[in-house]
């Protein structure tokens, strides 16, 4: 089994199909770096064998070669910078797509356990940190690493005695670099954590602004933001302080190395064992050693920040998709709709919320789930949608365990209407088409008429093309619910889940919704989490849940005659104000 890549090396998986491009860019980088190193060797040759030897032809040749290769290097360097920037952006593009795609495969359990702002920070701030390095720093990194390597080799070949003098700064450089590596890694990881917390707080505050203002908690949330913002500032300042100590130290080591080379080189020159051209070339090459080192040191902070960001991103990418189709999944193009729960136990955490549920729902029938809050009604419905898997037991459709069939094809035949439906930014028609993107305008209009949504659209000048803001802002709860029902009807599902679909709506819209439900429920297997008695009466069977167990089941008449929990709940179900909410 191949070893899993970690850190920034993991990014290589996004360019496996770019080997030819990488090879060309590598050759370009080697050429430009070689020109810089070779340029100083030409300078040394021009001084010793041209100027000092009074050989004008040799000098002219060195100058011509120097100008020619540097002109070529300028063109190749421009190509290299553009090519590496494009390669970096390709990595960012594929990483962001991979990250978002992976998020869409995770179960609802993951999103219930993570703050939305924390997740948003991974796909925005952290990917942006990588983008900065890959777009702007990749050319600096590649070019300077090759130049540094070439300069070291050339220095050793040019004169081993001066190379030994240069080595005096190696031990302190290694010590300081290691110190900075350890401290900066921790510092930049803390920076990513702080910005994530800040982003999460902003996302939560914006989502809950109506509640914050309703209870006069603006001051509290501003104070929390100020504390998080100050912590982020202190974290960034600490990281910058480390850099402010490290970078001047590298410059100092460069000065010490130059002084050592000049001191030794002058003596060797006086002894006649070192030429002037070699000494000048060596000083020039020494600048190619410390200039890249300085630029790499400045880039190191960005790289550390990117590495810390990649670690955060990896925590998301490494989350296993617990709700997925098996490799040998059975594909059911059309389900009949026979749903059975067999000894189902489920828990969000340690304590079960469903205990050994057995429930058989024949194809085309309607079951209403009622009970007090926390009884497990919504959880049971989510298991049928396979948004979660049971801890024990099985959920079967047409005799097939949901864990063994193709999830994509199954959900294409599943409709869900929630108590508080979410609408996406776009038109009313766009939201109706959400589950059936290929639906024609005629079919959309027919669906709208069938459930009375055309009456709602008529109050807008654009009709069904009226722009809906994200979340359905500007529409009433009942209007949003009608659109949600129309969305499910247009999808023509074989199995339908209605989770408190008629709660918290005004009476005129309730009449429209009740008629829409008659159309929607006809001929489909339906699981209805009931809030109103009118909805319960549509069911072929009523199931009463209490603390995760089925305590009663039967028709309305049978349960009323039993004078049990349903009889007591029925008085609340008949009341105008909602009393039974899950």
Protein backbone atom coordinates (compact mmCIF):
# COMPACT_ATOMS: atom_id res chain seq x y z
CA UNK A 1 0.00 0.00 0.00
CA UNK A 2 1.53 3.39 -0.98
CA UNK A 3 2.28 5.74 1.85
CA UNK A 4 -0.27 8.56 2.13
CA UNK A 5 1.23 11.95 1.39
CA UNK A 6 0.96 14.58 4.09
CA UNK A 7 1.51 18.34 4.28
CA UNK A 8 2.33 20.31 1.14
CA UNK A 9 3.63 17.17 -0.62
CA UNK A 10 -0.01 16.11 -0.84
CA UNK A 11 -0.56 18.79 -3.45
CA UNK A 12 1.36 16.69 -5.99
CA UNK A 13 -1.73 14.53 -6.52
CA UNK A 14 -3.33 17.46 -8.37
CA UNK A 15 -0.59 17.64 -11.03
CA UNK A 16 0.00 13.98 -11.80
CA UNK A 17 -1.23 14.58 -15.34
CA UNK A 18 1.11 17.57 -15.80
CA UNK A 19 4.43 15.70 -15.91
CA UNK A 20 5.35 17.02 -19.37
CA UNK A 21 4.65 20.60 -18.35
CA UNK A 22 6.61 20.16 -15.11
CA UNK A 23 9.57 18.70 -17.02
CA UNK A 24 9.63 21.70 -19.40
CA UNK A 25 9.40 24.14 -16.47
CA UNK A 26 12.18 22.26 -14.65
CA UNK A 27 14.46 22.61 -17.69
CA UNK A 28 13.59 26.30 -17.90
CA UNK A 29 14.38 26.79 -14.21
CA UNK A 30 17.67 24.91 -14.53
CA UNK A 31 18.62 27.07 -17.52
CA UNK A 32 17.92 30.40 -15.80
CA UNK A 33 19.72 29.30 -12.64
CA UNK A 34 22.65 27.99 -14.68
CA UNK A 35 22.93 31.31 -16.50
CA UNK A 36 23.22 33.19 -13.19
CA UNK A 37 25.96 30.88 -11.94
CA UNK A 38 27.72 30.68 -15.29
CA UNK A 39 27.60 34.46 -15.65
CA UNK A 40 30.03 34.94 -12.77
CA UNK A 41 32.30 32.25 -14.14
CA UNK A 42 32.37 34.20 -17.44
CA UNK A 43 33.20 37.37 -15.50
CA UNK A 44 36.15 35.59 -13.86
CA UNK A 45 37.35 34.28 -17.22
CA UNK A 46 36.98 37.73 -18.82
CA UNK A 47 39.12 39.32 -16.10
CA UNK A 48 41.87 36.68 -16.03
CA UNK A 49 42.03 35.61 -19.66
CA UNK A 50 40.71 38.72 -21.34
CA UNK A 51 41.53 41.95 -19.51
CA UNK A 52 44.65 40.89 -17.58
CA UNK A 53 45.95 38.84 -20.53
CA UNK A 54 45.19 41.73 -22.94
CA UNK A 55 43.29 39.28 -25.15
CA UNK A 56 40.51 41.39 -26.68
CA UNK A 57 39.12 38.53 -28.74
CA UNK A 58 38.67 36.41 -25.59
CA UNK A 59 37.05 39.39 -23.84
CA UNK A 60 34.71 40.02 -26.79
CA UNK A 61 33.73 36.34 -26.83
CA UNK A 62 32.99 36.32 -23.08
CA UNK A 63 30.92 39.51 -23.38
CA UNK A 64 28.98 38.17 -26.38
CA UNK A 65 28.20 34.89 -24.61
CA UNK A 66 27.26 36.78 -21.43
CA UNK A 67 24.83 39.10 -23.24
CA UNK A 68 23.35 36.31 -25.37
CA UNK A 69 22.66 33.81 -22.60
CA UNK A 70 21.26 36.51 -20.30
CA UNK A 71 18.90 37.71 -23.03
CA UNK A 72 17.76 34.11 -23.52
CA UNK A 73 17.48 33.72 -19.75
CA UNK A 74 15.21 36.77 -19.57
CA UNK A 75 12.79 35.23 -22.08
CA UNK A 76 12.96 31.80 -20.46
CA UNK A 77 12.52 33.40 -17.02
CA UNK A 78 9.33 35.16 -18.13
CA UNK A 79 8.02 31.86 -19.49
CA UNK A 80 8.99 30.14 -16.23
CA UNK A 81 7.22 32.67 -14.00
CA UNK A 82 4.01 32.50 -16.06
CA UNK A 83 4.18 28.71 -16.30
CA UNK A 84 4.69 28.18 -12.57
CA UNK A 85 1.91 30.67 -11.75
CA UNK A 86 -0.47 28.77 -14.04
CA UNK A 87 0.59 25.47 -12.49
CA UNK A 88 0.05 26.89 -9.01
CA UNK A 89 -3.43 28.14 -9.90
CA UNK A 90 -4.26 24.75 -11.41
CA UNK A 91 -3.36 23.13 -8.09
CA UNK A 92 -5.52 25.66 -6.21
CA UNK A 93 -8.43 25.08 -8.61
CA UNK A 94 -8.30 21.31 -8.24
CA UNK A 95 -7.76 21.43 -4.48
CA UNK A 96 -10.76 23.70 -3.95
CA UNK A 97 -12.92 21.51 -6.20
CA UNK A 98 -11.73 18.38 -4.39
CA UNK A 99 -12.40 19.94 -1.00
CA UNK A 100 -15.89 21.15 -1.89
CA UNK A 101 -16.71 17.89 -3.64
CA UNK A 102 -15.58 15.93 -0.59
CA UNK A 103 -17.75 18.12 1.67
CA UNK A 104 -20.82 17.27 -0.42
CA UNK A 105 -20.24 13.55 0.23
CA UNK A 106 -20.09 13.85 4.02
CA UNK A 107 -23.09 12.93 6.11
CA UNK A 108 -25.27 15.37 8.03
CA UNK A 109 -23.56 14.15 11.20
CA UNK A 110 -20.35 15.93 10.18
CA UNK A 111 -22.12 19.24 9.54
CA UNK A 112 -23.99 19.00 12.81
CA UNK A 113 -20.68 18.57 14.67
CA UNK A 114 -18.72 21.35 12.92
CA UNK A 115 -19.41 25.07 12.92
CA UNK A 116 -20.25 26.39 9.46
CA UNK A 117 -17.69 29.20 9.78
CA UNK A 118 -14.93 26.69 10.54
CA UNK A 119 -15.73 24.79 7.34
CA UNK A 120 -15.96 28.01 5.31
CA UNK A 121 -12.53 29.03 6.61
CA UNK A 122 -11.02 25.82 5.22
CA UNK A 123 -12.28 26.40 1.69
CA UNK A 124 -11.60 30.17 1.64
CA UNK A 125 -8.87 31.42 3.99
CA UNK A 126 -6.77 28.26 4.02
CA UNK A 127 -6.94 27.68 0.29
CA UNK A 128 -6.11 31.37 -0.24
CA UNK A 129 -2.99 30.93 1.93
CA UNK A 130 -1.90 28.14 -0.40
CA UNK A 131 -2.80 30.23 -3.44
CA UNK A 132 -0.47 33.03 -2.33
CA UNK A 133 2.48 30.67 -2.17
CA UNK A 134 1.67 28.71 -5.30
CA UNK A 135 0.91 31.75 -7.46
CA UNK A 136 3.65 34.12 -6.35
CA UNK A 137 6.12 32.07 -4.34
CA UNK A 138 6.49 28.97 -6.49
CA UNK A 139 8.79 30.70 -9.02
CA UNK A 140 10.84 32.18 -6.17
CA UNK A 141 11.08 28.79 -4.49
CA UNK A 142 12.07 26.80 -7.58
CA UNK A 143 14.44 29.40 -9.03
CA UNK A 144 16.25 30.15 -5.79
CA UNK A 145 16.62 26.52 -4.74
CA UNK A 146 18.29 25.71 -8.07
CA UNK A 147 20.41 28.87 -7.98
CA UNK A 148 21.47 28.11 -4.41
CA UNK A 149 22.41 24.55 -5.35
CA UNK A 150 24.30 25.63 -8.44
CA UNK A 151 26.16 28.35 -6.54
CA UNK A 152 27.26 25.91 -3.83
CA UNK A 153 28.61 23.46 -6.42
CA UNK A 154 30.39 26.24 -8.35
CA UNK A 155 31.95 27.66 -5.16
CA UNK A 156 33.33 24.27 -4.19
CA UNK A 157 34.77 23.70 -7.68
CA UNK A 158 36.15 27.21 -8.12
CA UNK A 159 38.38 27.15 -5.02
CA UNK A 160 38.14 24.64 -2.20
CA UNK A 161 40.10 26.87 0.19
CA UNK A 162 37.60 29.74 -0.08
CA UNK A 163 34.81 27.17 0.19
CA UNK A 164 36.18 26.10 3.57
CA UNK A 165 36.25 29.75 4.70
CA UNK A 166 32.61 30.04 3.68
CA UNK A 167 31.76 27.03 5.83
CA UNK A 168 32.36 28.97 9.08
CA UNK A 169 28.84 30.32 8.95
CA UNK A 170 27.25 26.92 8.29
CA UNK A 171 26.84 25.73 11.95
CA UNK A 172 25.20 28.95 13.25
CA UNK A 173 23.02 29.13 10.12
CA UNK A 174 21.75 25.58 10.73
CA UNK A 175 21.06 26.31 14.41
CA UNK A 176 19.15 29.54 13.69
CA UNK A 177 17.23 27.97 10.77
CA UNK A 178 16.17 25.02 12.92
CA UNK A 179 15.07 27.35 15.73
CA UNK A 180 13.01 29.40 13.30
CA UNK A 181 11.50 26.28 11.70
CA UNK A 182 10.22 24.91 15.02
CA UNK A 183 8.96 28.22 16.40
CA UNK A 184 7.40 29.45 13.16
CA UNK A 185 5.57 26.17 12.52
CA UNK A 186 3.77 26.51 15.85
CA UNK A 187 3.22 30.24 15.34
CA UNK A 188 1.71 29.97 11.86
CA UNK A 189 -0.46 27.01 12.90
CA UNK A 190 -1.83 29.23 15.67
CA UNK A 191 -2.47 31.98 13.09
CA UNK A 192 -4.63 29.59 11.03
CA UNK A 193 -6.53 28.52 14.15
CA UNK A 194 -7.21 32.13 15.17
CA UNK A 195 -8.47 33.19 11.74
CA UNK A 196 -10.71 30.10 11.63
CA UNK A 197 -12.27 31.02 14.98
CA UNK A 198 -12.80 34.59 13.77
CA UNK A 199 -14.45 33.44 10.54
CA UNK A 200 -16.68 31.00 12.43
CA UNK A 201 -17.81 33.77 14.78
CA UNK A 202 -18.61 36.12 11.89
CA UNK A 203 -20.61 33.42 10.04
CA UNK A 204 -22.59 32.54 13.17
CA UNK A 205 -23.26 36.20 13.97
CA UNK A 206 -24.53 36.99 10.48
CA UNK A 207 -26.78 33.92 10.46
CA UNK A 208 -28.24 34.81 13.86
CA UNK A 209 -28.35 38.61 13.53
CA UNK A 210 -32.14 38.78 13.94
CA UNK A 211 -31.93 36.91 17.26
CA UNK A 212 -28.91 38.98 18.39
CA UNK A 213 -30.75 42.25 17.77
CA UNK A 214 -34.03 40.95 19.22
CA UNK A 215 -32.38 40.27 22.57
CA UNK A 216 -30.05 43.32 22.56
CA UNK A 217 -26.93 41.14 22.49
CA UNK A 218 -25.05 43.27 19.96
CA UNK A 219 -22.60 44.47 22.60
CA UNK A 220 -21.80 40.94 23.74
CA UNK A 221 -21.13 39.74 20.21
CA UNK A 222 -19.03 42.82 19.43
CA UNK A 223 -16.96 42.10 22.54
CA UNK A 224 -16.50 38.46 21.48
CA UNK A 225 -15.44 39.64 18.02
CA UNK A 226 -12.98 42.12 19.51
CA UNK A 227 -11.46 39.41 21.71
CA UNK A 228 -11.08 37.01 18.77
CA UNK A 229 -9.74 39.77 16.54
CA UNK A 230 -7.20 40.81 19.17
CA UNK A 231 -6.09 37.20 19.63
CA UNK A 232 -5.66 36.94 15.85
CA UNK A 233 -3.60 40.16 15.85
CA UNK A 234 -1.36 38.92 18.67
CA UNK A 235 -0.83 35.61 16.89
CA UNK A 236 0.13 37.33 13.63
CA UNK A 237 2.42 39.74 15.48
CA UNK A 238 4.22 36.86 17.19
CA UNK A 239 4.79 35.15 13.82
CA UNK A 240 6.11 38.40 12.33
CA UNK A 241 8.41 38.95 15.32
CA UNK A 242 10.03 35.58 14.65
CA UNK A 243 10.58 36.56 11.03
CA UNK A 244 12.06 39.93 12.06
CA UNK A 245 14.72 38.09 14.06
CA UNK A 246 15.47 35.38 11.50
CA UNK A 247 15.86 37.41 8.31
CA UNK A 248 18.49 39.90 9.65
CA UNK A 249 20.41 36.94 11.07
CA UNK A 250 20.69 35.45 7.58
CA UNK A 251 21.93 38.79 6.25
CA UNK A 252 24.53 38.95 9.04
CA UNK A 253 25.81 35.47 8.21
CA UNK A 254 26.18 36.56 4.58
CA UNK A 255 28.30 39.55 5.64
CA UNK A 256 30.48 37.33 7.87
CA UNK A 257 31.03 34.86 5.01
CA UNK A 258 31.98 37.68 2.61
CA UNK A 259 34.46 39.13 5.10
CA UNK A 260 36.03 35.68 5.65
CA UNK A 261 36.39 35.13 1.89
CA UNK A 262 37.94 38.59 1.36
CA UNK A 263 40.39 38.10 4.23
CA UNK A 264 41.56 34.70 2.99
CA UNK A 265 41.31 35.59 -0.70
CA UNK A 266 43.53 38.67 -0.37
CA UNK A 267 46.28 36.58 1.21
CA UNK A 268 46.00 33.88 -1.44
CA UNK A 269 46.12 36.55 -4.15
CA UNK A 270 49.26 38.06 -2.63
CA UNK A 271 50.80 34.58 -2.53
CA UNK A 272 50.04 34.17 -6.21
CA UNK A 273 47.90 31.07 -5.67
CA UNK A 274 44.60 32.80 -6.48
CA UNK A 275 43.79 34.96 -9.51
CA UNK A 276 41.88 38.23 -9.29
CA UNK A 277 39.23 36.95 -11.65
CA UNK A 278 38.64 33.88 -9.48
CA UNK A 279 38.31 36.04 -6.35
CA UNK A 280 35.81 38.42 -8.00
CA UNK A 281 33.85 35.50 -9.42
CA UNK A 282 33.82 33.88 -6.02
CA UNK A 283 32.44 37.06 -4.36
CA UNK A 284 29.75 37.21 -7.05
CA UNK A 285 28.84 33.57 -6.56
CA UNK A 286 28.73 34.17 -2.83
CA UNK A 287 26.00 36.75 -3.43
CA UNK A 288 24.13 34.07 -5.38
CA UNK A 289 24.41 31.92 -2.29
CA UNK A 290 23.02 34.42 0.22
CA UNK A 291 20.62 36.36 -1.96
CA UNK A 292 18.53 33.22 -2.70
CA UNK A 293 18.92 32.21 0.94
CA UNK A 294 17.53 35.61 1.98
CA UNK A 295 14.63 35.38 -0.47
CA UNK A 296 13.90 31.81 0.59
CA UNK A 297 13.96 32.94 4.22
CA UNK A 298 11.40 35.63 3.44
CA UNK A 299 9.30 33.06 1.58
CA UNK A 300 9.63 30.58 4.43
CA UNK A 301 7.02 32.40 6.50
CA UNK A 302 4.52 32.10 3.66
CA UNK A 303 5.40 28.44 3.19
CA UNK A 304 4.91 27.77 6.90
CA UNK A 305 1.54 29.52 6.79
CA UNK A 306 0.60 27.46 3.72
CA UNK A 307 1.75 24.26 5.44
CA UNK A 308 -0.37 25.09 8.48
CA UNK A 309 -3.32 25.82 6.17
CA UNK A 310 -2.80 22.48 4.38
CA UNK A 311 -2.86 20.68 7.73
CA UNK A 312 -6.26 22.26 8.44
CA UNK A 313 -7.53 21.33 4.97
CA UNK A 314 -6.25 17.79 5.45
CA UNK A 315 -8.40 17.41 8.58
CA UNK A 316 -11.41 17.81 6.27
CA UNK A 317 -10.11 15.71 3.37
CA UNK A 318 -9.25 12.86 5.75
CA UNK A 319 -12.79 12.67 7.13
CA UNK A 320 -14.17 9.41 5.83
CA UNK A 321 -17.42 9.46 3.92
CA UNK A 322 -19.61 7.34 6.18
CA UNK A 323 -22.71 7.55 3.98
CA UNK A 324 -21.76 6.24 0.55
CA UNK A 325 -22.65 3.55 -1.95
CA UNK A 326 -20.56 0.38 -1.79
CA UNK A 327 -18.45 -0.59 -4.78
CA UNK A 328 -20.89 -3.37 -5.68
CA UNK A 329 -24.04 -1.32 -4.99
CA UNK A 330 -27.27 -2.47 -6.60
CA UNK A 331 -28.86 0.10 -8.88
CA UNK A 332 -32.63 0.36 -8.61
CA UNK A 333 -33.94 2.56 -11.40
CA UNK A 334 -37.47 2.60 -10.01
CA UNK A 335 -38.42 1.64 -6.49
CA UNK A 336 -41.90 0.48 -5.63
CA UNK A 337 -41.72 2.21 -2.26
CA UNK A 338 -42.09 -0.60 0.29
CA UNK A 339 -40.20 0.70 3.34
CA UNK A 340 -39.34 -1.46 6.36
CA UNK A 341 -37.36 -0.66 9.49
CA UNK A 342 -36.11 -3.81 11.20
CA UNK A 343 -34.99 -3.57 14.85
CA UNK A 344 -33.43 -0.17 14.17
CA UNK A 345 -31.34 1.47 16.88
CA UNK A 346 -29.66 4.82 16.31
CA UNK A 347 -27.60 7.32 18.31
CA UNK A 348 -26.10 10.70 17.41
CA UNK A 349 -23.62 10.29 20.22
CA UNK A 350 -23.38 7.70 22.93
CA UNK A 351 -27.02 7.52 24.03
CA UNK A 352 -29.52 6.00 21.56
CA UNK A 353 -32.42 8.14 20.39
CA UNK A 354 -34.18 5.21 18.66
CA UNK A 355 -34.55 1.85 20.37
CA UNK A 356 -35.31 -1.29 18.33
CA UNK A 357 -37.81 0.28 15.92
CA UNK A 358 -39.85 -2.13 13.80
CA UNK A 359 -42.05 -0.48 11.20
CA UNK A 360 -43.47 -1.73 7.90
CA UNK A 361 -44.82 0.79 5.38
CA UNK A 362 -46.44 -0.79 2.30
CA UNK A 363 -45.74 0.80 -1.09
CA UNK A 364 -48.06 3.71 -1.79
CA UNK A 365 -49.28 4.04 1.78
CA UNK A 366 -49.00 6.99 4.15
CA UNK A 367 -47.73 6.81 7.73
CA UNK A 368 -48.00 9.74 10.15
CA UNK A 369 -45.45 10.04 12.95
CA UNK A 370 -46.62 11.94 16.01
CA UNK A 371 -45.29 12.43 19.50
CA UNK A 372 -43.75 14.89 21.87
CA UNK A 373 -40.57 16.79 21.09
CA UNK A 374 -37.46 14.62 21.09
CA UNK A 375 -39.38 11.42 20.44
CA UNK A 376 -37.28 10.53 17.41
CA UNK A 377 -39.69 11.34 14.57
CA UNK A 378 -37.29 13.39 12.44
CA UNK A 379 -34.46 10.94 13.13
CA UNK A 380 -36.55 8.04 11.86
CA UNK A 381 -37.40 9.98 8.69
CA UNK A 382 -33.72 10.82 8.09
CA UNK A 383 -32.82 7.15 8.33
CA UNK A 384 -35.31 6.41 5.55
CA UNK A 385 -33.59 9.10 3.46
CA UNK A 386 -30.26 7.52 4.41
CA UNK A 387 -28.87 10.76 5.72
CA UNK A 388 -27.68 8.55 8.58
CA UNK A 389 -27.14 4.82 8.96
CA UNK A 390 -28.56 2.90 11.93
CA UNK A 391 -26.24 1.71 14.65
CA UNK A 392 -28.07 -1.63 14.67
CA UNK A 393 -30.78 -3.14 12.51
CA UNK A 394 -31.58 -2.24 8.90
CA UNK A 395 -33.68 0.12 6.84
CA UNK A 396 -34.97 -1.63 3.74
CA UNK A 397 -36.68 -0.42 0.57
CA UNK A 398 -38.34 -3.12 -1.53
CA UNK A 399 -36.44 -5.65 0.56
CA UNK A 400 -33.04 -4.07 -0.12
CA UNK A 401 -30.87 -2.74 2.69
CA UNK A 402 -30.26 0.95 1.95
CA UNK A 403 -26.56 0.45 2.69
CA UNK A 404 -26.33 -1.96 -0.26
CA UNK A 405 -28.02 0.05 -3.02
CA UNK A 406 -26.81 2.95 -5.14
CA UNK A 407 -27.48 6.08 -3.09
CA UNK A 408 -27.60 8.50 -6.04
CA UNK A 409 -30.34 6.60 -7.86
CA UNK A 410 -32.25 6.05 -4.64
CA UNK A 411 -32.31 9.72 -3.70
CA UNK A 412 -33.48 10.63 -7.19
CA UNK A 413 -36.69 8.86 -6.19
CA UNK A 414 -36.88 10.50 -2.78
CA UNK A 415 -38.68 13.76 -1.98
CA UNK A 416 -38.20 15.74 1.22
CA UNK A 417 -40.25 18.69 2.46
CA UNK A 418 -38.94 20.23 5.66
CA UNK A 419 -40.60 22.37 8.30
CA UNK A 420 -38.35 25.32 7.39
CA UNK A 421 -37.51 24.77 3.72
CA UNK A 422 -34.34 26.30 2.34
CA UNK A 423 -34.60 28.27 -0.88
CA UNK A 424 -31.61 29.16 -3.00
CA UNK A 425 -30.84 32.51 -4.59
CA UNK A 426 -32.54 32.58 -7.98
CA UNK A 427 -36.10 32.73 -9.27
CA UNK A 428 -39.14 30.88 -7.96
CA UNK A 429 -38.96 28.73 -11.10
CA UNK A 430 -35.29 27.96 -10.43
CA UNK A 431 -36.17 26.71 -6.96
CA UNK A 432 -38.98 24.55 -8.35
CA UNK A 433 -36.51 23.03 -10.82
CA UNK A 434 -33.93 22.29 -8.12
CA UNK A 435 -34.69 18.56 -8.04
CA UNK A 436 -35.51 18.37 -11.78
CA UNK A 437 -33.17 20.77 -13.63
CA UNK A 438 -34.34 19.57 -17.05
CA UNK A 439 -38.01 20.38 -16.42
CA UNK A 440 -39.56 22.52 -19.16
CA UNK A 441 -41.18 25.90 -18.53
CA UNK A 442 -44.58 24.34 -19.31
CA UNK A 443 -44.10 21.62 -16.70
CA UNK A 444 -42.98 24.17 -14.11
CA UNK A 445 -46.03 26.32 -14.78
CA UNK A 446 -48.33 23.27 -14.66
CA UNK A 447 -46.86 22.23 -11.30
CA UNK A 448 -47.29 25.76 -9.94
CA UNK A 449 -50.97 25.78 -10.99
CA UNK A 450 -51.55 22.32 -9.51
CA UNK A 451 -50.61 23.46 -6.00
CA UNK A 452 -51.83 27.07 -6.19
CA UNK A 453 -48.34 28.55 -6.35
CA UNK A 454 -49.38 30.55 -9.41
CA UNK A 455 -51.55 32.67 -7.08
CA UNK A 456 -48.50 33.50 -4.98
CA UNK A 457 -46.42 34.29 -8.07
CA UNK A 458 -49.19 36.54 -9.40
CA UNK A 459 -48.47 39.15 -6.73
CA UNK A 460 -45.03 39.71 -8.24
CA UNK A 461 -44.58 41.53 -11.53
CA UNK A 462 -42.11 38.86 -12.76
CA UNK A 463 -44.39 35.96 -11.78
CA UNK A 464 -42.48 32.69 -11.46
CA UNK A 465 -39.31 34.51 -12.52
CA UNK A 466 -39.45 36.65 -9.37
CA UNK A 467 -35.98 36.74 -7.79
CA UNK A 468 -35.76 34.87 -4.50
CA UNK A 469 -33.02 35.88 -2.09
CA UNK A 470 -30.94 33.22 -0.35
CA UNK A 471 -32.99 31.40 2.28
CA UNK A 472 -36.26 32.73 0.84
CA UNK A 473 -36.00 36.12 2.51
CA UNK A 474 -38.97 38.28 1.44
CA UNK A 475 -41.39 35.36 1.24
CA UNK A 476 -43.68 34.20 4.01
CA UNK A 477 -43.19 30.83 5.69
CA UNK A 478 -46.23 29.47 3.86
CA UNK A 479 -45.01 30.71 0.48
CA UNK A 480 -41.61 29.11 1.04
CA UNK A 481 -43.38 25.89 2.00
CA UNK A 482 -45.50 25.94 -1.15
CA UNK A 483 -42.36 26.30 -3.27
CA UNK A 484 -40.80 23.40 -1.35
CA UNK A 485 -43.86 21.22 -2.00
CA UNK A 486 -43.82 22.19 -5.67
CA UNK A 487 -40.13 21.26 -5.81
CA UNK A 488 -40.93 17.80 -4.46
CA UNK A 489 -43.93 17.37 -6.78
CA UNK A 490 -41.89 18.31 -9.85
CA UNK A 491 -39.29 15.68 -8.87
CA UNK A 492 -42.07 13.04 -8.88
CA UNK A 493 -40.57 10.95 -6.04
CA UNK A 494 -41.59 7.40 -5.18
CA UNK A 495 -40.97 7.96 -1.46
CA UNK A 496 -41.89 11.21 0.24
CA UNK A 497 -40.87 12.60 3.63
CA UNK A 498 -42.78 15.55 5.08
CA UNK A 499 -41.22 16.93 8.25
CA UNK A 500 -43.71 19.29 9.96
CA UNK A 501 -44.59 20.66 6.53
CA UNK A 502 -47.76 22.49 7.67
CA UNK A 503 -46.55 24.16 10.86
CA UNK A 504 -46.12 27.87 11.48
CA UNK A 505 -48.12 29.09 8.47
CA UNK A 506 -51.03 31.47 8.07
CA UNK A 507 -54.54 30.15 7.48
CA UNK A 508 -54.99 31.28 3.82
CA UNK A 509 -51.71 29.68 2.80
CA UNK A 510 -52.55 26.60 4.87
CA UNK A 511 -55.58 26.00 2.63
CA UNK A 512 -53.34 26.09 -0.44
CA UNK A 513 -50.82 23.79 1.22
CA UNK A 514 -53.48 21.27 2.26
CA UNK A 515 -54.68 21.06 -1.35
CA UNK A 516 -51.09 20.79 -2.54
CA UNK A 517 -50.47 17.93 -0.12
CA UNK A 518 -53.47 16.03 -1.49
CA UNK A 519 -51.83 16.18 -4.91
CA UNK A 520 -48.36 15.42 -3.59
CA UNK A 521 -49.25 12.42 -1.42
CA UNK A 522 -51.34 10.62 -4.01
CA UNK A 523 -49.81 7.32 -5.13
CA UNK A 524 -46.56 7.72 -3.17
CA UNK A 525 -45.14 6.08 -0.09
CA UNK A 526 -45.28 8.91 2.42
CA UNK A 527 -43.84 9.43 5.87
CA UNK A 528 -45.44 12.47 7.45
CA UNK A 529 -44.24 14.03 10.68
CA UNK A 530 -47.56 15.51 11.63
CA UNK A 531 -48.28 18.76 13.33
CA UNK A 532 -51.93 19.29 12.52
CA UNK A 533 -54.82 16.90 12.88
CA UNK A 534 -55.90 17.45 9.26
CA UNK A 535 -52.54 16.09 8.13
CA UNK A 536 -52.73 13.11 10.49
CA UNK A 537 -56.12 12.11 9.11
CA UNK A 538 -54.63 11.61 5.66
CA UNK A 539 -52.49 8.74 6.96
CA UNK A 540 -53.27 5.06 6.50
CA UNK A 541 -51.54 4.41 9.82
CA UNK A 542 -50.57 6.64 12.74
CA UNK A 543 -47.42 5.81 14.71
CA UNK A 544 -46.87 7.41 18.12
CA UNK A 545 -43.22 7.73 19.18
CA UNK A 546 -42.13 8.43 22.73
CA UNK A 547 -38.44 8.63 23.72
CA UNK A 548 -37.34 6.65 20.70
CA UNK A 549 -39.89 3.84 20.99
CA UNK A 550 -43.17 3.08 19.22
CA UNK A 551 -45.81 3.20 21.95
CA UNK A 552 -48.96 3.18 19.83
CA UNK A 553 -49.95 2.55 16.23
CA UNK A 554 -53.16 2.21 14.26
CA UNK A 555 -55.85 4.27 12.58
CA UNK A 556 -57.20 7.46 14.08
CA UNK A 557 -60.38 5.74 15.22
CA UNK A 558 -58.48 2.87 16.85
CA UNK A 559 -56.11 5.17 18.71
CA UNK A 560 -58.85 7.51 19.88
CA UNK A 561 -60.78 4.53 21.20
CA UNK A 562 -57.72 3.34 23.11
CA UNK A 563 -57.59 6.62 25.11
CA UNK A 564 -53.78 6.50 25.14
CA UNK A 565 -51.12 9.00 24.25
CA UNK A 566 -52.54 9.78 20.82
CA UNK A 567 -55.92 10.68 22.27
CA UNK A 568 -54.17 13.18 24.53
CA UNK A 569 -52.03 14.49 21.71
CA UNK A 570 -55.04 14.84 19.40
CA UNK A 571 -56.37 17.69 21.49
CA UNK A 572 -53.09 19.54 20.86
CA UNK A 573 -53.01 18.54 17.20
CA UNK A 574 -56.48 20.05 16.74
CA UNK A 575 -55.49 23.30 18.45
CA UNK A 576 -54.71 26.31 16.25
CA UNK A 577 -51.32 26.90 17.85
CA UNK A 578 -48.67 24.24 17.40
CA UNK A 579 -47.96 22.15 20.49
CA UNK A 580 -46.32 19.04 19.12
CA UNK A 581 -43.04 19.94 17.49
CA UNK A 582 -40.05 17.75 16.94
